[in-house]
């Protein structure tokens, strides 16, 4: 994806994080970045500079809880959803799915229009 796709990513980071945590239960930052990279075949890569402010904001808003665990002599912070985070994840994913459907309808050629892909 091009750099302009970062604009789309910024608006969906909370949804991505909430969705992954809803599926996985708990994850740490690097694990989140790798999951996104793997699931999108490298099309989307999250930087720590983009991810951690979102994690901290979600925690501040009461959607995430954290627990620290020592792994190989290093402290690792795991994130998981609170009950309100779980409800928010469901709502944000649903909202995003409706948005994608609306965008697909908007971008689909109508009544004899030429598709932009053919230009």
PDB file of N, CA and C in Angstrom:
ATOM      1  N   UNK A   1       0.842  -1.188   0.000  1.00  0.00           N
ATOM      2  CA  UNK A   1       0.000   0.000   0.000  1.00  0.00           C
ATOM      3  C   UNK A   1       0.877   1.238   0.000  1.00  0.00           C
ATOM      4  N   UNK A   2       0.376   2.273  -0.589  1.00  0.00           N
ATOM      5  CA  UNK A   2       1.117   3.517  -0.661  1.00  0.00           C
ATOM      6  C   UNK A   2       1.045   4.275   0.663  1.00  0.00           C
ATOM      7  N   UNK A   3       1.896   5.276   0.775  1.00  0.00           N
ATOM      8  CA  UNK A   3       1.922   6.087   1.993  1.00  0.00           C
ATOM      9  C   UNK A   3       0.572   6.740   2.261  1.00  0.00           C
ATOM     10  N   UNK A   4      -0.193   7.054   1.210  1.00  0.00           N
ATOM     11  CA  UNK A   4      -1.501   7.678   1.404  1.00  0.00           C
ATOM     12  C   UNK A   4      -2.461   6.760   2.145  1.00  0.00           C
ATOM     13  N   UNK A   5      -2.187   5.456   2.151  1.00  0.00           N
ATOM     14  CA  UNK A   5      -3.051   4.521   2.889  1.00  0.00           C
ATOM     15  C   UNK A   5      -2.930   4.736   4.394  1.00  0.00           C
ATOM     16  N   UNK A   6      -1.858   5.425   4.835  1.00  0.00           N
ATOM     17  CA  UNK A   6      -1.721   5.740   6.261  1.00  0.00           C
ATOM     18  C   UNK A   6      -2.906   6.554   6.750  1.00  0.00           C
ATOM     19  N   UNK A   7      -3.471   7.367   5.877  1.00  0.00           N
ATOM     20  CA  UNK A   7      -4.653   8.164   6.214  1.00  0.00           C
ATOM     21  C   UNK A   7      -5.820   7.246   6.597  1.00  0.00           C
ATOM     22  N   UNK A   8      -6.000   6.184   5.832  1.00  0.00           N
ATOM     23  CA  UNK A   8      -7.067   5.221   6.121  1.00  0.00           C
ATOM     24  C   UNK A   8      -6.761   4.464   7.409  1.00  0.00           C
ATOM     25  N   UNK A   9      -5.504   4.103   7.588  1.00  0.00           N
ATOM     26  CA  UNK A   9      -5.096   3.331   8.753  1.00  0.00           C
ATOM     27  C   UNK A   9      -5.333   4.095  10.049  1.00  0.00           C
ATOM     28  N   UNK A  10      -4.986   5.374  10.056  1.00  0.00           N
ATOM     29  CA  UNK A  10      -5.163   6.180  11.278  1.00  0.00           C
ATOM     30  C   UNK A  10      -6.608   6.142  11.765  1.00  0.00           C
ATOM     31  N   UNK A  11      -7.546   6.156  10.853  1.00  0.00           N
ATOM     32  CA  UNK A  11      -8.951   6.157  11.230  1.00  0.00           C
ATOM     33  C   UNK A  11      -9.482   4.808  11.666  1.00  0.00           C
ATOM     34  N   UNK A  12      -8.687   3.766  11.499  1.00  0.00           N
ATOM     35  CA  UNK A  12      -9.160   2.424  11.818  1.00  0.00           C
ATOM     36  C   UNK A  12      -8.318   1.712  12.875  1.00  0.00           C
ATOM     37  N   UNK A  13      -7.296   2.365  13.387  1.00  0.00           N
ATOM     38  CA  UNK A  13      -6.396   1.702  14.342  1.00  0.00           C
ATOM     39  C   UNK A  13      -7.110   1.184  15.574  1.00  0.00           C
ATOM     40  N   UNK A  14      -8.006   1.974  16.152  1.00  0.00           N
ATOM     41  CA  UNK A  14      -8.724   1.515  17.337  1.00  0.00           C
ATOM     42  C   UNK A  14      -9.535   0.263  17.013  1.00  0.00           C
ATOM     43  N   UNK A  15     -10.203   0.278  15.877  1.00  0.00           N
ATOM     44  CA  UNK A  15     -11.011  -0.874  15.474  1.00  0.00           C
ATOM     45  C   UNK A  15     -10.140  -2.106  15.288  1.00  0.00           C
ATOM     46  N   UNK A  16      -8.987  -1.934  14.649  1.00  0.00           N
ATOM     47  CA  UNK A  16      -8.071  -3.058  14.421  1.00  0.00           C
ATOM     48  C   UNK A  16      -7.616  -3.655  15.752  1.00  0.00           C
ATOM     49  N   UNK A  17      -7.168  -2.808  16.662  1.00  0.00           N
ATOM     50  CA  UNK A  17      -6.674  -3.276  17.956  1.00  0.00           C
ATOM     51  C   UNK A  17      -7.785  -3.963  18.739  1.00  0.00           C
ATOM     52  N   UNK A  18      -8.955  -3.349  18.803  1.00  0.00           N
ATOM     53  CA  UNK A  18     -10.068  -3.942  19.544  1.00  0.00           C
ATOM     54  C   UNK A  18     -10.471  -5.288  18.953  1.00  0.00           C
ATOM     55  N   UNK A  19     -10.510  -5.380  17.644  1.00  0.00           N
ATOM     56  CA  UNK A  19     -10.883  -6.639  16.964  1.00  0.00           C
ATOM     57  C   UNK A  19      -9.874  -7.744  17.276  1.00  0.00           C
ATOM     58  N   UNK A  20      -8.591  -7.436  17.168  1.00  0.00           N
ATOM     59  CA  UNK A  20      -7.571  -8.449  17.448  1.00  0.00           C
ATOM     60  C   UNK A  20      -7.636  -8.931  18.892  1.00  0.00           C
ATOM     61  N   UNK A  21      -7.796  -8.000  19.816  1.00  0.00           N
ATOM     62  CA  UNK A  21      -7.866  -8.391  21.223  1.00  0.00           C
ATOM     63  C   UNK A  21      -9.139  -9.164  21.535  1.00  0.00           C
ATOM     64  N   UNK A  22     -10.232  -8.845  20.848  1.00  0.00           N
ATOM     65  CA  UNK A  22     -11.469  -9.603  21.031  1.00  0.00           C
ATOM     66  C   UNK A  22     -11.267 -11.046  20.572  1.00  0.00           C
ATOM     67  N   UNK A  23     -10.510 -11.240  19.517  1.00  0.00           N
ATOM     68  CA  UNK A  23     -10.262 -12.582  18.991  1.00  0.00           C
ATOM     69  C   UNK A  23      -9.221 -13.353  19.810  1.00  0.00           C
ATOM     70  N   UNK A  24      -8.152 -12.671  20.199  1.00  0.00           N
ATOM     71  CA  UNK A  24      -7.009 -13.336  20.817  1.00  0.00           C
ATOM     72  C   UNK A  24      -7.033 -13.372  22.340  1.00  0.00           C
ATOM     73  N   UNK A  25      -7.835 -12.526  22.956  1.00  0.00           N
ATOM     74  CA  UNK A  25      -7.880 -12.497  24.415  1.00  0.00           C
ATOM     75  C   UNK A  25      -6.898 -11.527  25.016  1.00  0.00           C
ATOM     76  N   UNK A  26      -5.619 -11.750  24.785  1.00  0.00           N
ATOM     77  CA  UNK A  26      -4.602 -10.805  25.254  1.00  0.00           C
ATOM     78  C   UNK A  26      -3.409 -10.869  24.317  1.00  0.00           C
ATOM     79  N   UNK A  27      -2.775  -9.729  24.154  1.00  0.00           N
ATOM     80  CA  UNK A  27      -1.622  -9.622  23.257  1.00  0.00           C
ATOM     81  C   UNK A  27      -0.704  -8.522  23.774  1.00  0.00           C
ATOM     82  N   UNK A  28       0.552  -8.578  23.354  1.00  0.00           N
ATOM     83  CA  UNK A  28       1.475  -7.487  23.652  1.00  0.00           C
ATOM     84  C   UNK A  28       1.740  -6.736  22.346  1.00  0.00           C
ATOM     85  N   UNK A  29       2.333  -5.558  22.445  1.00  0.00           N
ATOM     86  CA  UNK A  29       2.457  -4.666  21.296  1.00  0.00           C
ATOM     87  C   UNK A  29       3.074  -5.288  20.055  1.00  0.00           C
ATOM     88  N   UNK A  30       4.239  -5.912  20.206  1.00  0.00           N
ATOM     89  CA  UNK A  30       4.903  -6.512  19.050  1.00  0.00           C
ATOM     90  C   UNK A  30       4.026  -7.579  18.416  1.00  0.00           C
ATOM     91  N   UNK A  31       3.346  -8.340  19.239  1.00  0.00           N
ATOM     92  CA  UNK A  31       2.449  -9.397  18.760  1.00  0.00           C
ATOM     93  C   UNK A  31       1.320  -8.796  17.908  1.00  0.00           C
ATOM     94  N   UNK A  32       0.814  -7.655  18.322  1.00  0.00           N
ATOM     95  CA  UNK A  32      -0.233  -6.970  17.550  1.00  0.00           C
ATOM     96  C   UNK A  32       0.311  -6.547  16.194  1.00  0.00           C
ATOM     97  N   UNK A  33       1.498  -5.940  16.178  1.00  0.00           N
ATOM     98  CA  UNK A  33       2.067  -5.482  14.898  1.00  0.00           C
ATOM     99  C   UNK A  33       2.296  -6.656  13.953  1.00  0.00           C
ATOM    100  N   UNK A  34       2.779  -7.767  14.491  1.00  0.00           N
ATOM    101  CA  UNK A  34       3.050  -8.929  13.649  1.00  0.00           C
ATOM    102  C   UNK A  34       1.769  -9.579  13.140  1.00  0.00           C
ATOM    103  N   UNK A  35       0.744  -9.605  13.957  1.00  0.00           N
ATOM    104  CA  UNK A  35      -0.532 -10.176  13.540  1.00  0.00           C
ATOM    105  C   UNK A  35      -1.126  -9.381  12.384  1.00  0.00           C
ATOM    106  N   UNK A  36      -1.067  -8.058  12.490  1.00  0.00           N
ATOM    107  CA  UNK A  36      -1.586  -7.209  11.415  1.00  0.00           C
ATOM    108  C   UNK A  36      -0.787  -7.445  10.131  1.00  0.00           C
ATOM    109  N   UNK A  37       0.512  -7.493  10.249  1.00  0.00           N
ATOM    110  CA  UNK A  37       1.377  -7.702   9.083  1.00  0.00           C
ATOM    111  C   UNK A  37       1.086  -9.045   8.415  1.00  0.00           C
ATOM    112  N   UNK A  38       0.985 -10.103   9.223  1.00  0.00           N
ATOM    113  CA  UNK A  38       0.715 -11.440   8.690  1.00  0.00           C
ATOM    114  C   UNK A  38      -0.665 -11.532   8.060  1.00  0.00           C
ATOM    115  N   UNK A  39      -1.676 -11.011   8.746  1.00  0.00           N
ATOM    116  CA  UNK A  39      -3.057 -11.141   8.259  1.00  0.00           C
ATOM    117  C   UNK A  39      -3.319 -10.323   7.007  1.00  0.00           C
ATOM    118  N   UNK A  40      -2.503  -9.306   6.775  1.00  0.00           N
ATOM    119  CA  UNK A  40      -2.688  -8.473   5.578  1.00  0.00           C
ATOM    120  C   UNK A  40      -1.611  -8.753   4.535  1.00  0.00           C
ATOM    121  N   UNK A  41      -0.880  -9.835   4.705  1.00  0.00           N
ATOM    122  CA  UNK A  41       0.217 -10.194   3.799  1.00  0.00           C
ATOM    123  C   UNK A  41       1.176  -9.032   3.580  1.00  0.00           C
ATOM    124  N   UNK A  42       1.436  -8.286   4.633  1.00  0.00           N
ATOM    125  CA  UNK A  42       2.383  -7.182   4.567  1.00  0.00           C
ATOM    126  C   UNK A  42       1.837  -5.889   3.998  1.00  0.00           C
ATOM    127  N   UNK A  43       0.571  -5.882   3.605  1.00  0.00           N
ATOM    128  CA  UNK A  43      -0.028  -4.666   3.036  1.00  0.00           C
ATOM    129  C   UNK A  43      -0.176  -3.568   4.085  1.00  0.00           C
ATOM    130  N   UNK A  44      -0.395  -3.972   5.332  1.00  0.00           N
ATOM    131  CA  UNK A  44      -0.520  -3.001   6.419  1.00  0.00           C
ATOM    132  C   UNK A  44       0.539  -3.329   7.458  1.00  0.00           C
ATOM    133  N   UNK A  45       1.349  -2.333   7.773  1.00  0.00           N
ATOM    134  CA  UNK A  45       2.329  -2.493   8.837  1.00  0.00           C
ATOM    135  C   UNK A  45       2.109  -1.382   9.856  1.00  0.00           C
ATOM    136  N   UNK A  46       2.025  -1.786  11.101  1.00  0.00           N
ATOM    137  CA  UNK A  46       1.850  -0.825  12.190  1.00  0.00           C
ATOM    138  C   UNK A  46       3.204  -0.502  12.786  1.00  0.00           C
ATOM    139  N   UNK A  47       3.468   0.766  12.966  1.00  0.00           N
ATOM    140  CA  UNK A  47       4.680   1.166  13.671  1.00  0.00           C
ATOM    141  C   UNK A  47       4.341   1.267  15.150  1.00  0.00           C
ATOM    142  N   UNK A  48       5.346   1.136  15.979  1.00  0.00           N
ATOM    143  CA  UNK A  48       5.127   1.280  17.416  1.00  0.00           C
ATOM    144  C   UNK A  48       4.694   2.707  17.730  1.00  0.00           C
ATOM    145  N   UNK A  49       5.196   3.658  16.956  1.00  0.00           N
ATOM    146  CA  UNK A  49       4.827   5.059  17.151  1.00  0.00           C
ATOM    147  C   UNK A  49       3.358   5.329  16.897  1.00  0.00           C
ATOM    148  N   UNK A  50       2.743   4.516  16.068  1.00  0.00           N
ATOM    149  CA  UNK A  50       1.303   4.639  15.812  1.00  0.00           C
ATOM    150  C   UNK A  50       0.503   3.781  16.795  1.00  0.00           C
ATOM    151  N   UNK A  51       1.025   2.605  17.119  1.00  0.00           N
ATOM    152  CA  UNK A  51       0.281   1.655  17.941  1.00  0.00           C
ATOM    153  C   UNK A  51       0.168   2.065  19.406  1.00  0.00           C
ATOM    154  N   UNK A  52       1.287   2.424  20.023  1.00  0.00           N
ATOM    155  CA  UNK A  52       1.262   2.646  21.470  1.00  0.00           C
ATOM    156  C   UNK A  52       0.393   3.815  21.914  1.00  0.00           C
ATOM    157  N   UNK A  53       0.334   4.924  21.192  1.00  0.00           N
ATOM    158  CA  UNK A  53      -0.619   5.962  21.603  1.00  0.00           C
ATOM    159  C   UNK A  53      -2.069   5.463  21.576  1.00  0.00           C
ATOM    160  N   UNK A  54      -2.397   4.606  20.613  1.00  0.00           N
ATOM    161  CA  UNK A  54      -3.752   4.046  20.538  1.00  0.00           C
ATOM    162  C   UNK A  54      -3.996   3.112  21.720  1.00  0.00           C
ATOM    163  N   UNK A  55      -3.034   2.266  22.031  1.00  0.00           N
ATOM    164  CA  UNK A  55      -3.180   1.374  23.187  1.00  0.00           C
ATOM    165  C   UNK A  55      -3.365   2.177  24.476  1.00  0.00           C
ATOM    166  N   UNK A  56      -2.566   3.216  24.642  1.00  0.00           N
ATOM    167  CA  UNK A  56      -2.677   4.031  25.856  1.00  0.00           C
ATOM    168  C   UNK A  56      -4.013   4.759  25.920  1.00  0.00           C
ATOM    169  N   UNK A  57      -4.490   5.245  24.793  1.00  0.00           N
ATOM    170  CA  UNK A  57      -5.793   5.940  24.753  1.00  0.00           C
ATOM    171  C   UNK A  57      -6.922   4.961  25.084  1.00  0.00           C
ATOM    172  N   UNK A  58      -6.883   3.771  24.509  1.00  0.00           N
ATOM    173  CA  UNK A  58      -7.915   2.765  24.799  1.00  0.00           C
ATOM    174  C   UNK A  58      -7.890   2.355  26.269  1.00  0.00           C
ATOM    175  N   UNK A  59      -6.694   2.276  26.835  1.00  0.00           N
ATOM    176  CA  UNK A  59      -6.580   1.949  28.263  1.00  0.00           C
ATOM    177  C   UNK A  59      -7.143   3.095  29.104  1.00  0.00           C
ATOM    178  N   UNK A  60      -6.796   4.315  28.732  1.00  0.00           N
ATOM    179  CA  UNK A  60      -7.279   5.504  29.454  1.00  0.00           C
ATOM    180  C   UNK A  60      -8.806   5.599  29.402  1.00  0.00           C
ATOM    181  N   UNK A  61      -9.390   5.193  28.275  1.00  0.00           N
ATOM    182  CA  UNK A  61     -10.839   5.242  28.092  1.00  0.00           C
ATOM    183  C   UNK A  61     -11.565   4.083  28.788  1.00  0.00           C
ATOM    184  N   UNK A  62     -10.801   3.172  29.386  1.00  0.00           N
ATOM    185  CA  UNK A  62     -11.403   2.060  30.114  1.00  0.00           C
ATOM    186  C   UNK A  62     -11.742   0.854  29.260  1.00  0.00           C
ATOM    187  N   UNK A  63     -11.206   0.795  28.023  1.00  0.00           N
ATOM    188  CA  UNK A  63     -11.499  -0.320  27.125  1.00  0.00           C
ATOM    189  C   UNK A  63     -10.473  -1.448  27.231  1.00  0.00           C
ATOM    190  N   UNK A  64      -9.292  -1.131  27.757  1.00  0.00           N
ATOM    191  CA  UNK A  64      -8.234  -2.129  27.894  1.00  0.00           C
ATOM    192  C   UNK A  64      -7.758  -2.184  29.330  1.00  0.00           C
ATOM    193  N   UNK A  65      -7.285  -3.360  29.719  1.00  0.00           N
ATOM    194  CA  UNK A  65      -6.568  -3.502  30.978  1.00  0.00           C
ATOM    195  C   UNK A  65      -5.218  -4.123  30.631  1.00  0.00           C
ATOM    196  N   UNK A  66      -4.262  -3.905  31.482  1.00  0.00           N
ATOM    197  CA  UNK A  66      -2.920  -4.411  31.213  1.00  0.00           C
ATOM    198  C   UNK A  66      -2.451  -5.263  32.375  1.00  0.00           C
ATOM    199  N   UNK A  67      -1.550  -6.166  32.052  1.00  0.00           N
ATOM    200  CA  UNK A  67      -0.849  -6.923  33.073  1.00  0.00           C
ATOM    201  C   UNK A  67       0.568  -7.137  32.560  1.00  0.00           C
ATOM    202  N   UNK A  68       1.509  -6.989  33.449  1.00  0.00           N
ATOM    203  CA  UNK A  68       2.916  -7.160  33.086  1.00  0.00           C
ATOM    204  C   UNK A  68       3.385  -8.531  33.515  1.00  0.00           C
ATOM    205  N   UNK A  69       4.235  -9.104  32.687  1.00  0.00           N
ATOM    206  CA  UNK A  69       4.748 -10.440  32.941  1.00  0.00           C
ATOM    207  C   UNK A  69       6.213 -10.466  32.531  1.00  0.00           C
ATOM    208  N   UNK A  70       7.030 -11.107  33.316  1.00  0.00           N
ATOM    209  CA  UNK A  70       8.444 -11.221  32.957  1.00  0.00           C
ATOM    210  C   UNK A  70       8.617 -12.375  31.990  1.00  0.00           C
ATOM    211  N   UNK A  71       9.245 -12.079  30.853  1.00  0.00           N
ATOM    212  CA  UNK A  71       9.511 -13.086  29.831  1.00  0.00           C
ATOM    213  C   UNK A  71      10.979 -12.950  29.436  1.00  0.00           C
ATOM    214  N   UNK A  72      11.743 -13.999  29.622  1.00  0.00           N
ATOM    215  CA  UNK A  72      13.178 -13.991  29.309  1.00  0.00           C
ATOM    216  C   UNK A  72      13.899 -12.811  29.962  1.00  0.00           C
ATOM    217  N   UNK A  73      13.568 -12.534  31.200  1.00  0.00           N
ATOM    218  CA  UNK A  73      14.238 -11.482  31.951  1.00  0.00           C
ATOM    219  C   UNK A  73      13.782 -10.067  31.616  1.00  0.00           C
ATOM    220  N   UNK A  74      12.780  -9.943  30.751  1.00  0.00           N
ATOM    221  CA  UNK A  74      12.264  -8.625  30.375  1.00  0.00           C
ATOM    222  C   UNK A  74      10.790  -8.540  30.747  1.00  0.00           C
ATOM    223  N   UNK A  75      10.367  -7.342  31.105  1.00  0.00           N
ATOM    224  CA  UNK A  75       8.973  -7.128  31.451  1.00  0.00           C
ATOM    225  C   UNK A  75       8.168  -6.897  30.180  1.00  0.00           C
ATOM    226  N   UNK A  76       7.129  -7.692  29.993  1.00  0.00           N
ATOM    227  CA  UNK A  76       6.273  -7.568  28.810  1.00  0.00           C
ATOM    228  C   UNK A  76       4.883  -7.163  29.274  1.00  0.00           C
ATOM    229  N   UNK A  77       4.313  -6.149  28.615  1.00  0.00           N
ATOM    230  CA  UNK A  77       2.983  -5.662  28.982  1.00  0.00           C
ATOM    231  C   UNK A  77       1.964  -6.270  28.027  1.00  0.00           C
ATOM    232  N   UNK A  78       1.018  -6.991  28.604  1.00  0.00           N
ATOM    233  CA  UNK A  78      -0.069  -7.596  27.836  1.00  0.00           C
ATOM    234  C   UNK A  78      -1.322  -6.737  27.954  1.00  0.00           C
ATOM    235  N   UNK A  79      -2.044  -6.633  26.856  1.00  0.00           N
ATOM    236  CA  UNK A  79      -3.290  -5.869  26.808  1.00  0.00           C
ATOM    237  C   UNK A  79      -4.441  -6.835  26.592  1.00  0.00           C
ATOM    238  N   UNK A  80      -5.555  -6.587  27.275  1.00  0.00           N
ATOM    239  CA  UNK A  80      -6.780  -7.359  27.052  1.00  0.00           C
ATOM    240  C   UNK A  80      -7.971  -6.423  27.219  1.00  0.00           C
ATOM    241  N   UNK A  81      -9.111  -6.852  26.714  1.00  0.00           N
ATOM    242  CA  UNK A  81     -10.304  -6.013  26.742  1.00  0.00           C
ATOM    243  C   UNK A  81     -11.012  -6.074  28.081  1.00  0.00           C
ATOM    244  N   UNK A  82     -11.555  -4.957  28.489  1.00  0.00           N
ATOM    245  CA  UNK A  82     -12.473  -4.909  29.621  1.00  0.00           C
ATOM    246  C   UNK A  82     -13.855  -5.259  29.063  1.00  0.00           C
ATOM    247  N   UNK A  83     -14.855  -5.471  29.907  1.00  0.00           N
ATOM    248  CA  UNK A  83     -16.208  -5.709  29.381  1.00  0.00           C
ATOM    249  C   UNK A  83     -16.689  -4.569  28.462  1.00  0.00           C
ATOM    250  N   UNK A  84     -16.422  -3.322  28.825  1.00  0.00           N
ATOM    251  CA  UNK A  84     -16.844  -2.223  27.938  1.00  0.00           C
ATOM    252  C   UNK A  84     -16.009  -2.211  26.669  1.00  0.00           C
ATOM    253  N   UNK A  85     -14.749  -2.659  26.743  1.00  0.00           N
ATOM    254  CA  UNK A  85     -13.913  -2.775  25.551  1.00  0.00           C
ATOM    255  C   UNK A  85     -14.451  -3.825  24.600  1.00  0.00           C
ATOM    256  N   UNK A  86     -14.966  -4.915  25.165  1.00  0.00           N
ATOM    257  CA  UNK A  86     -15.568  -5.966  24.348  1.00  0.00           C
ATOM    258  C   UNK A  86     -16.787  -5.435  23.598  1.00  0.00           C
ATOM    259  N   UNK A  87     -17.645  -4.722  24.306  1.00  0.00           N
ATOM    260  CA  UNK A  87     -18.842  -4.145  23.676  1.00  0.00           C
ATOM    261  C   UNK A  87     -18.441  -3.117  22.619  1.00  0.00           C
ATOM    262  N   UNK A  88     -17.427  -2.325  22.907  1.00  0.00           N
ATOM    263  CA  UNK A  88     -16.964  -1.322  21.950  1.00  0.00           C
ATOM    264  C   UNK A  88     -16.373  -1.986  20.716  1.00  0.00           C
ATOM    265  N   UNK A  89     -15.661  -3.092  20.895  1.00  0.00           N
ATOM    266  CA  UNK A  89     -15.095  -3.822  19.760  1.00  0.00           C
ATOM    267  C   UNK A  89     -16.200  -4.282  18.816  1.00  0.00           C
ATOM    268  N   UNK A  90     -17.246  -4.861  19.383  1.00  0.00           N
ATOM    269  CA  UNK A  90     -18.375  -5.333  18.567  1.00  0.00           C
ATOM    270  C   UNK A  90     -18.992  -4.165  17.798  1.00  0.00           C
ATOM    271  N   UNK A  91     -19.214  -3.049  18.473  1.00  0.00           N
ATOM    272  CA  UNK A  91     -19.830  -1.881  17.847  1.00  0.00           C
ATOM    273  C   UNK A  91     -18.940  -1.281  16.764  1.00  0.00           C
ATOM    274  N   UNK A  92     -17.636  -1.126  17.048  1.00  0.00           N
ATOM    275  CA  UNK A  92     -16.727  -0.522  16.070  1.00  0.00           C
ATOM    276  C   UNK A  92     -16.582  -1.389  14.827  1.00  0.00           C
ATOM    277  N   UNK A  93     -16.506  -2.693  15.002  1.00  0.00           N
ATOM    278  CA  UNK A  93     -16.397  -3.593  13.849  1.00  0.00           C
ATOM    279  C   UNK A  93     -17.674  -3.511  13.013  1.00  0.00           C
ATOM    280  N   UNK A  94     -18.824  -3.513  13.663  1.00  0.00           N
ATOM    281  CA  UNK A  94     -20.098  -3.395  12.961  1.00  0.00           C
ATOM    282  C   UNK A  94     -20.193  -2.070  12.202  1.00  0.00           C
ATOM    283  N   UNK A  95     -19.810  -0.984  12.853  1.00  0.00           N
ATOM    284  CA  UNK A  95     -19.818   0.333  12.202  1.00  0.00           C
ATOM    285  C   UNK A  95     -18.898   0.341  10.987  1.00  0.00           C
ATOM    286  N   UNK A  96     -17.709  -0.240  11.144  1.00  0.00           N
ATOM    287  CA  UNK A  96     -16.752  -0.248  10.037  1.00  0.00           C
ATOM    288  C   UNK A  96     -17.255  -1.101   8.874  1.00  0.00           C
ATOM    289  N   UNK A  97     -17.864  -2.241   9.168  1.00  0.00           N
ATOM    290  CA  UNK A  97     -18.410  -3.093   8.103  1.00  0.00           C
ATOM    291  C   UNK A  97     -19.483  -2.346   7.313  1.00  0.00           C
ATOM    292  N   UNK A  98     -20.346  -1.593   8.007  1.00  0.00           N
ATOM    293  CA  UNK A  98     -21.372  -0.797   7.320  1.00  0.00           C
ATOM    294  C   UNK A  98     -20.724   0.296   6.469  1.00  0.00           C
ATOM    295  N   UNK A  99     -19.666   0.914   6.984  1.00  0.00           N
ATOM    296  CA  UNK A  99     -18.950   1.941   6.240  1.00  0.00           C
ATOM    297  C   UNK A  99     -18.338   1.358   4.958  1.00  0.00           C
ATOM    298  N   UNK A 100     -17.705   0.193   5.064  1.00  0.00           N
ATOM    299  CA  UNK A 100     -17.091  -0.446   3.896  1.00  0.00           C
ATOM    300  C   UNK A 100     -18.153  -0.782   2.856  1.00  0.00           C
ATOM    301  N   UNK A 101     -19.289  -1.306   3.297  1.00  0.00           N
ATOM    302  CA  UNK A 101     -20.380  -1.610   2.365  1.00  0.00           C
ATOM    303  C   UNK A 101     -20.866  -0.345   1.660  1.00  0.00           C
ATOM    304  N   UNK A 102     -21.009   0.740   2.402  1.00  0.00           N
ATOM    305  CA  UNK A 102     -21.445   2.007   1.805  1.00  0.00           C
ATOM    306  C   UNK A 102     -20.417   2.504   0.802  1.00  0.00           C
ATOM    307  N   UNK A 103     -19.143   2.399   1.126  1.00  0.00           N
ATOM    308  CA  UNK A 103     -18.089   2.835   0.201  1.00  0.00           C
ATOM    309  C   UNK A 103     -18.080   1.973  -1.058  1.00  0.00           C
ATOM    310  N   UNK A 104     -18.276   0.663  -0.895  1.00  0.00           N
ATOM    311  CA  UNK A 104     -18.325  -0.216  -2.064  1.00  0.00           C
ATOM    312  C   UNK A 104     -19.491   0.168  -2.965  1.00  0.00           C
ATOM    313  N   UNK A 105     -20.625   0.484  -2.381  1.00  0.00           N
ATOM    314  CA  UNK A 105     -21.781   0.920  -3.170  1.00  0.00           C
ATOM    315  C   UNK A 105     -21.484   2.230  -3.888  1.00  0.00           C
ATOM    316  N   UNK A 106     -20.819   3.114  -3.213  1.00  0.00           N
ATOM    317  CA  UNK A 106     -20.476   4.402  -3.797  1.00  0.00           C
ATOM    318  C   UNK A 106     -19.467   4.266  -4.936  1.00  0.00           C
ATOM    319  N   UNK A 107     -18.518   3.383  -4.798  1.00  0.00           N
ATOM    320  CA  UNK A 107     -17.450   3.232  -5.788  1.00  0.00           C
ATOM    321  C   UNK A 107     -17.817   2.316  -6.952  1.00  0.00           C
ATOM    322  N   UNK A 108     -18.837   1.510  -6.790  1.00  0.00           N
ATOM    323  CA  UNK A 108     -19.266   0.587  -7.842  1.00  0.00           C
ATOM    324  C   UNK A 108     -19.816   1.391  -9.024  1.00  0.00           C
ATOM    325  N   UNK A 109     -19.411   1.048 -10.252  1.00  0.00           N
ATOM    326  CA  UNK A 109     -19.943   1.768 -11.419  1.00  0.00           C
ATOM    327  C   UNK A 109     -21.470   1.649 -11.492  1.00  0.00           C
ATOM    328  N   UNK A 110     -22.128   2.737 -11.846  1.00  0.00           N
ATOM    329  CA  UNK A 110     -23.591   2.784 -11.936  1.00  0.00           C
ATOM    330  C   UNK A 110     -24.033   3.003 -13.382  1.00  0.00           C
ATOM    331  N   UNK A 111     -25.057   2.309 -13.817  1.00  0.00           N
ATOM    332  CA  UNK A 111     -25.746   2.558 -15.096  1.00  0.00           C
ATOM    333  C   UNK A 111     -24.832   2.994 -16.225  1.00  0.00           C
ATOM    334  N   UNK A 112     -23.963   2.106 -16.660  1.00  0.00           N
ATOM    335  CA  UNK A 112     -23.147   2.404 -17.819  1.00  0.00           C
ATOM    336  C   UNK A 112     -21.895   3.232 -17.569  1.00  0.00           C
ATOM    337  N   UNK A 113     -21.643   3.580 -16.331  1.00  0.00           N
ATOM    338  CA  UNK A 113     -20.408   4.312 -16.036  1.00  0.00           C
ATOM    339  C   UNK A 113     -19.216   3.417 -16.316  1.00  0.00           C
ATOM    340  N   UNK A 114     -18.119   4.025 -16.650  1.00  0.00           N
ATOM    341  CA  UNK A 114     -16.882   3.297 -16.874  1.00  0.00           C
ATOM    342  C   UNK A 114     -16.164   3.187 -15.537  1.00  0.00           C
ATOM    343  N   UNK A 115     -15.708   1.994 -15.229  1.00  0.00           N
ATOM    344  CA  UNK A 115     -14.966   1.789 -14.000  1.00  0.00           C
ATOM    345  C   UNK A 115     -13.646   2.543 -14.053  1.00  0.00           C
ATOM    346  N   UNK A 116     -13.259   3.142 -12.925  1.00  0.00           N
ATOM    347  CA  UNK A 116     -11.982   3.848 -12.870  1.00  0.00           C
ATOM    348  C   UNK A 116     -10.817   2.914 -13.164  1.00  0.00           C
ATOM    349  N   UNK A 117     -10.968   1.626 -12.864  1.00  0.00           N
ATOM    350  CA  UNK A 117      -9.908   0.658 -13.106  1.00  0.00           C
ATOM    351  C   UNK A 117      -9.651   0.502 -14.598  1.00  0.00           C
ATOM    352  N   UNK A 118     -10.635   0.819 -15.440  1.00  0.00           N
ATOM    353  CA  UNK A 118     -10.482   0.670 -16.882  1.00  0.00           C
ATOM    354  C   UNK A 118      -9.921   1.911 -17.539  1.00  0.00           C
ATOM    355  N   UNK A 119      -9.798   2.989 -16.793  1.00  0.00           N
ATOM    356  CA  UNK A 119      -9.273   4.239 -17.364  1.00  0.00           C
ATOM    357  C   UNK A 119      -7.777   4.201 -17.492  1.00  0.00           C
TER     358      UNK A 119
END
